[in-house]
Protein backbone atom coordinates (compact mmCIF):
# COMPACT_ATOMS: atom_id res chain seq x y z
CA MET A 1 32.81 18.59 85.95
CA ARG A 2 34.41 16.14 84.27
CA ASN A 3 33.57 12.68 84.36
CA GLU A 4 34.68 9.95 86.07
CA LYS A 5 36.34 8.51 82.65
CA GLU A 6 38.04 11.64 82.11
CA MET A 7 39.46 11.88 85.57
CA PHE A 8 41.11 8.56 85.26
CA GLU A 9 42.57 9.32 81.81
CA LEU A 10 44.12 12.68 83.52
CA ILE A 11 45.31 10.74 86.68
CA LYS A 12 47.02 7.87 84.54
CA ASN A 13 48.40 10.27 81.66
CA VAL A 14 49.71 12.42 84.25
CA ALA A 15 51.35 9.69 85.38
CA GLN A 16 52.20 7.83 82.13
CA ASN A 17 54.29 11.28 81.05
CA ASP A 18 56.37 11.35 83.69
CA GLU A 19 59.04 9.29 83.96
CA ARG A 20 59.36 9.98 87.36
CA ILE A 21 56.35 8.50 88.19
CA ARG A 22 56.79 4.50 88.17
CA ALA A 23 53.20 3.39 89.17
CA VAL A 24 49.75 4.47 89.98
CA TYR A 25 47.16 2.79 92.38
CA MET A 26 43.92 4.04 94.02
CA ASN A 27 42.30 3.35 97.63
CA GLY A 28 39.23 4.36 98.90
CA SER A 29 35.39 4.43 98.25
CA ARG A 30 36.03 4.12 94.32
CA ALA A 31 38.16 0.92 95.06
CA ASN A 32 35.02 -0.59 97.31
CA PRO A 33 32.47 -1.92 94.91
CA ASN A 34 30.02 -2.27 97.72
CA ALA A 35 30.16 1.73 98.23
CA PRO A 36 27.35 3.69 96.44
CA LYS A 37 28.25 5.94 93.87
CA ASP A 38 27.55 9.82 93.48
CA ILE A 39 29.27 12.97 92.33
CA PHE A 40 31.22 13.87 96.09
CA GLN A 41 33.34 10.80 95.26
CA ASP A 42 36.76 11.58 96.12
CA TYR A 43 39.65 10.15 94.13
CA ASP A 44 42.14 8.55 96.56
CA ILE A 45 45.34 8.25 94.40
CA VAL A 46 48.49 7.23 95.20
CA TYR A 47 52.00 7.98 92.46
CA VAL A 48 54.71 5.81 93.19
CA VAL A 49 57.93 7.87 92.58
CA THR A 50 61.61 7.77 92.19
CA GLU A 51 61.92 10.25 94.64
CA THR A 52 59.71 13.03 96.65
CA ALA A 53 62.22 15.96 96.60
CA PRO A 54 61.40 17.10 92.88
CA PHE A 55 58.01 17.35 93.46
CA LEU A 56 58.04 19.29 96.46
CA LYS A 57 60.53 21.81 94.62
CA ASP A 58 57.99 22.32 92.47
CA ASP A 59 55.06 23.20 94.09
CA LYS A 60 53.02 24.45 90.66
CA TRP A 61 53.28 20.83 89.30
CA ILE A 62 49.69 19.66 90.65
CA HIS A 63 48.09 22.38 88.86
CA ILE A 64 48.06 20.01 85.95
CA PHE A 65 44.80 18.15 87.33
CA GLY A 66 42.68 21.43 87.23
CA ASP A 67 41.63 24.89 88.70
CA LEU A 68 41.93 24.30 92.66
CA ILE A 69 39.53 26.32 94.89
CA MET A 70 41.63 24.95 97.58
CA ILE A 71 44.08 22.71 98.40
CA GLN A 72 45.32 21.23 102.00
CA GLU A 73 48.79 19.71 102.41
CA PRO A 74 48.58 17.20 105.85
CA ASP A 75 52.17 16.85 106.16
CA LYS A 76 53.15 20.02 105.83
CA LEU A 77 50.62 21.07 108.45
CA ALA A 78 51.64 18.38 110.56
CA GLN A 79 55.00 19.59 110.52
CA GLY A 80 54.19 23.06 111.15
CA VAL A 81 52.48 21.98 115.20
CA GLY A 82 55.63 19.82 116.05
CA VAL A 83 54.88 16.33 114.50
CA ALA A 84 57.71 14.51 112.81
CA VAL A 85 57.05 14.26 109.47
CA ASP A 86 59.04 12.09 106.46
CA PHE A 87 58.38 13.94 103.62
CA ASP A 88 61.65 12.07 101.75
CA ARG A 89 59.09 8.98 101.97
CA SER A 90 55.99 10.21 101.09
CA TYR A 91 53.68 13.31 100.90
CA GLY A 92 50.04 14.25 100.77
CA TYR A 93 47.74 16.96 98.42
CA LEU A 94 44.19 17.36 99.12
CA MET A 95 42.76 18.81 96.20
CA LEU A 96 39.18 20.38 95.47
CA PHE A 97 38.70 21.83 91.93
CA THR A 98 36.43 24.35 90.21
CA ASP A 99 34.34 21.60 88.62
CA GLY A 100 33.71 19.84 91.98
CA ASN A 101 36.27 17.15 91.58
CA ARG A 102 38.41 16.08 94.10
CA ILE A 103 41.62 14.06 94.26
CA ASP A 104 43.29 12.99 97.28
CA LEU A 105 46.98 12.44 95.92
CA HIS A 106 49.82 10.77 97.87
CA ILE A 107 53.24 10.20 96.34
CA GLU A 108 55.60 8.14 97.64
CA THR A 109 58.43 6.62 97.49
CA LYS A 110 59.07 2.34 95.94
CA GLU A 111 60.29 1.78 99.72
CA SER A 112 57.12 3.54 101.50
CA MET A 113 55.08 1.87 99.00
CA ILE A 114 56.24 -1.83 99.77
CA GLU A 115 55.57 -1.31 103.50
CA GLY A 116 52.07 -0.25 103.34
CA TYR A 117 50.75 -1.76 99.86
CA PHE A 118 49.10 -4.65 101.66
CA GLY A 119 47.95 -2.60 104.59
CA ASP A 120 44.20 -1.65 102.95
CA LYS A 121 42.27 -4.50 101.37
CA LEU A 122 40.61 -1.60 99.06
CA THR A 123 43.30 -1.44 96.62
CA VAL A 124 43.54 -0.85 92.69
CA PRO A 125 46.27 -0.75 90.48
CA LEU A 126 46.03 1.63 87.96
CA LEU A 127 49.15 1.73 86.17
CA ASP A 128 52.40 0.10 86.75
CA LYS A 129 55.33 0.68 84.59
CA GLU A 130 57.62 -1.55 85.75
CA ASN A 131 55.66 -4.19 87.71
CA CYS A 132 57.09 -2.76 91.16
CA LEU A 133 53.41 -3.18 92.86
CA PRO A 134 52.91 -6.42 94.53
CA GLN A 135 50.06 -8.64 93.60
CA ILE A 136 46.87 -8.51 95.65
CA PRO A 137 43.84 -10.17 96.12
CA THR A 138 40.43 -8.60 94.67
CA PRO A 139 39.54 -5.24 96.36
CA THR A 140 37.16 -6.20 99.36
CA ASP A 141 36.00 -3.86 102.19
CA ILE A 142 35.94 -6.81 104.70
CA ASP A 143 38.19 -4.42 106.70
CA TYR A 144 35.58 -1.97 107.65
CA HIS A 145 32.43 -4.28 108.30
CA VAL A 146 31.29 -3.94 111.61
CA LYS A 147 32.67 -6.58 114.07
CA GLN A 148 30.77 -8.48 116.36
CA PRO A 149 31.00 -7.38 120.20
CA THR A 150 32.21 -9.48 122.62
CA ALA A 151 30.67 -9.26 125.95
CA GLY A 152 33.02 -7.18 127.78
CA GLN A 153 32.97 -4.56 124.78
CA TYR A 154 29.04 -4.61 125.13
CA VAL A 155 29.02 -3.73 128.81
CA SER A 156 31.60 -1.40 128.42
CA CYS A 157 29.54 0.45 125.88
CA THR A 158 26.41 0.26 128.09
CA ASN A 159 28.27 1.49 131.11
CA ASP A 160 29.73 4.51 129.55
CA PHE A 161 26.64 5.30 127.59
CA TRP A 162 24.54 5.44 130.81
CA TRP A 163 27.26 6.80 133.43
CA CYS A 164 28.51 9.81 130.82
CA LEU A 165 24.88 11.09 130.71
CA GLN A 166 25.29 12.43 134.17
CA ASN A 167 28.10 14.90 132.81
CA VAL A 168 25.91 16.04 129.67
CA ALA A 169 23.02 16.96 132.56
CA LYS A 170 25.18 18.92 135.11
CA GLY A 171 26.51 20.91 131.85
CA ILE A 172 23.02 21.86 130.91
CA ARG A 173 21.91 22.54 134.92
CA ARG A 174 25.34 24.84 135.26
CA ASP A 175 24.06 26.60 131.92
CA GLU A 176 27.78 25.50 129.75
CA LEU A 177 26.38 24.67 126.75
CA PRO A 178 29.89 24.35 125.03
CA TYR A 179 30.40 21.46 127.62
CA ALA A 180 27.27 19.63 127.68
CA LYS A 181 26.97 19.66 124.00
CA ARG A 182 30.61 18.41 123.56
CA MET A 183 29.84 15.52 126.61
CA PHE A 184 27.03 14.46 124.44
CA GLU A 185 28.95 14.66 121.04
CA GLU A 186 32.20 12.69 122.11
CA THR A 187 30.67 9.86 124.78
CA THR A 188 26.98 9.90 124.55
CA ARG A 189 26.86 9.75 120.94
CA ALA A 190 29.65 7.80 120.59
CA SER A 191 28.17 4.86 122.56
CA LEU A 192 25.05 5.00 120.64
CA ASP A 193 26.55 4.84 117.24
CA GLN A 194 28.70 2.22 118.51
CA MET A 195 25.19 -0.03 119.55
CA VAL A 196 23.65 1.14 115.88
CA SER A 197 26.53 -0.34 114.37
CA TRP A 198 26.41 -3.36 116.01
CA TRP A 199 22.34 -4.14 115.89
CA ILE A 200 22.96 -3.21 111.83
CA GLY A 201 25.71 -5.76 111.65
CA SER A 202 23.41 -8.48 113.62
CA LYS A 203 20.81 -8.09 110.93
CA TYR A 204 23.58 -8.38 108.36
CA ASP A 205 25.60 -11.08 109.98
CA PHE A 206 28.19 -8.68 110.26
CA GLN A 207 28.89 -9.07 106.75
CA ILE A 208 28.80 -4.85 106.01
CA SER A 209 29.88 -1.77 107.11
CA SER A 210 27.61 1.06 108.59
CA GLY A 211 30.14 3.57 106.87
CA LYS A 212 32.18 6.31 108.03
CA LEU A 213 31.28 8.04 111.40
CA GLY A 214 27.51 6.26 110.57
CA LYS A 215 27.09 7.52 107.41
CA TYR A 216 24.57 4.55 105.99
CA PHE A 217 22.97 4.42 109.07
CA LYS A 218 19.64 5.63 107.20
CA LYS A 219 19.76 3.20 104.76
CA TYR A 220 20.20 0.39 107.27
CA LEU A 221 17.93 1.34 109.88
CA PRO A 222 14.08 0.95 109.96
CA ALA A 223 12.17 4.02 109.13
CA ALA A 224 10.95 4.23 112.99
CA TYR A 225 14.62 3.84 114.08
CA TRP A 226 15.92 6.32 111.79
CA GLU A 227 13.37 8.86 112.71
CA LEU A 228 14.61 8.63 116.45
CA TYR A 229 17.97 8.68 115.73
CA LYS A 230 17.42 12.08 113.76
CA GLU A 231 15.31 13.13 116.84
CA THR A 232 18.59 13.18 118.80
CA PHE A 233 20.34 15.92 117.36
CA SER A 234 19.08 19.19 119.21
CA ASN A 235 19.90 22.98 119.24
CA GLY A 236 21.23 25.32 121.67
CA ASP A 237 17.64 25.46 123.44
CA TYR A 238 17.83 23.95 126.69
CA GLU A 239 14.38 21.76 126.50
CA ASN A 240 15.09 20.84 123.04
CA PHE A 241 18.29 19.40 124.20
CA TRP A 242 16.27 17.37 127.35
CA ASN A 243 14.17 16.03 124.48
CA SER A 244 16.74 14.72 122.59
CA ILE A 245 18.63 12.92 125.68
CA PHE A 246 15.45 11.03 126.47
CA VAL A 247 14.91 9.99 122.93
CA THR A 248 18.76 9.21 122.58
CA CYS A 249 17.50 6.87 125.90
CA ASP A 250 14.96 5.44 123.99
CA LEU A 251 16.82 4.69 121.18
CA PHE A 252 19.90 3.18 122.68
CA ARG A 253 17.74 1.00 124.98
CA ALA A 254 15.89 -0.98 122.08
CA LEU A 255 19.10 -1.38 120.10
CA ALA A 256 20.96 -2.49 123.42
CA ILE A 257 18.01 -4.92 124.56
CA ASP A 258 18.10 -6.32 120.85
CA VAL A 259 21.89 -7.08 120.95
CA ALA A 260 21.48 -8.26 124.12
CA THR A 261 19.16 -11.14 123.80
CA GLN A 262 20.50 -12.07 120.26
CA PHE A 263 23.95 -12.47 121.72
CA SER A 264 23.27 -13.75 125.62
CA PHE A 265 24.56 -10.48 126.64
CA ILE A 266 23.01 -8.81 129.99
CA TYR A 267 21.55 -5.76 129.73
CA PRO A 268 22.36 -3.23 132.65
CA LEU A 269 18.71 -2.84 133.74
CA ASN A 270 19.15 -1.39 136.85
CA ASP A 271 21.83 1.13 135.20
CA ASP A 272 18.64 2.51 132.65
CA THR A 273 16.24 2.74 135.54
CA ASN A 274 18.04 4.72 137.83
CA MET A 275 20.05 6.86 135.55
CA THR A 276 17.02 7.95 133.93
CA ALA A 277 15.36 8.64 137.23
CA TYR A 278 18.05 10.63 138.37
CA LEU A 279 18.34 12.90 134.79
CA LYS A 280 14.42 13.24 135.16
CA HIS A 281 14.96 14.56 138.50
CA LEU A 282 17.79 17.07 137.36
CA ARG A 283 15.62 18.56 134.33
CA CYS A 284 13.01 19.34 136.90
CA LEU A 285 15.03 20.24 139.65
CA PRO A 286 14.17 24.48 140.27
CA LEU A 287 17.27 26.44 138.98
CA ASP A 288 17.66 28.02 142.60
CA ALA A 289 18.29 24.32 144.18
CA THR A 290 20.95 24.06 146.93
CA GLU A 291 20.73 20.31 146.95
CA ILE A 292 20.34 17.78 144.24
CA PHE A 293 18.00 15.30 146.08
């Protein structure tokens, strides 16, 4: 596997030797001094080019970066399903190579770069042939830090959590596993993950990120909470699913009460009590029941 030094040399040499490429900059985790370093980090690279058309006409040019396992071209795929995409301004290649490295490469015109260059504070200039890249501050992940919740956001999150669980339970009782699972992951887990992020943020004065899709939860949650979080995942067995639901409720309750205490919010204890009782009732309801109560 080519190491980081070799990859950066390749990325910059390709740009240096191609007059059509006027500048290079990097975004993503490799631009973030606080992101853990490992062998799976992508190289999120942008080439600022005079025009995109010559690159798009020669679809073999990307092979200079190595042998591919697979490539995805998001802009082409978007266009294929009817989304309007301006290839003349920018175009992207997501490339996974046979040595395990991955480059997410975008080419864009100077005009496109100027409009979006300040949009991501995790930006590192790598090459600038004609000083076209604007001056920017030192990279920071501040835009990705957990934000302190407002009272309204807290109320919305807790209400969604307890309300949407009745849809999950309904799906289980109807033996509609895909529906129940999707409802759980897209509503219940979404609320849980939001509360986990707020709880973690509150412990670090909202100066950290919990990571995309909660990837740093294990790092910041106490071991006991992390063990509970793992138990919120279940297989297709309904008994295991029910167990995971009640573990999810226990974890959400503990975190939400803690967050409420810290910020003087009001935890919806009645919703918790009533919905927990309702879920327990549905779990034990005979399969041939003709009435809920």
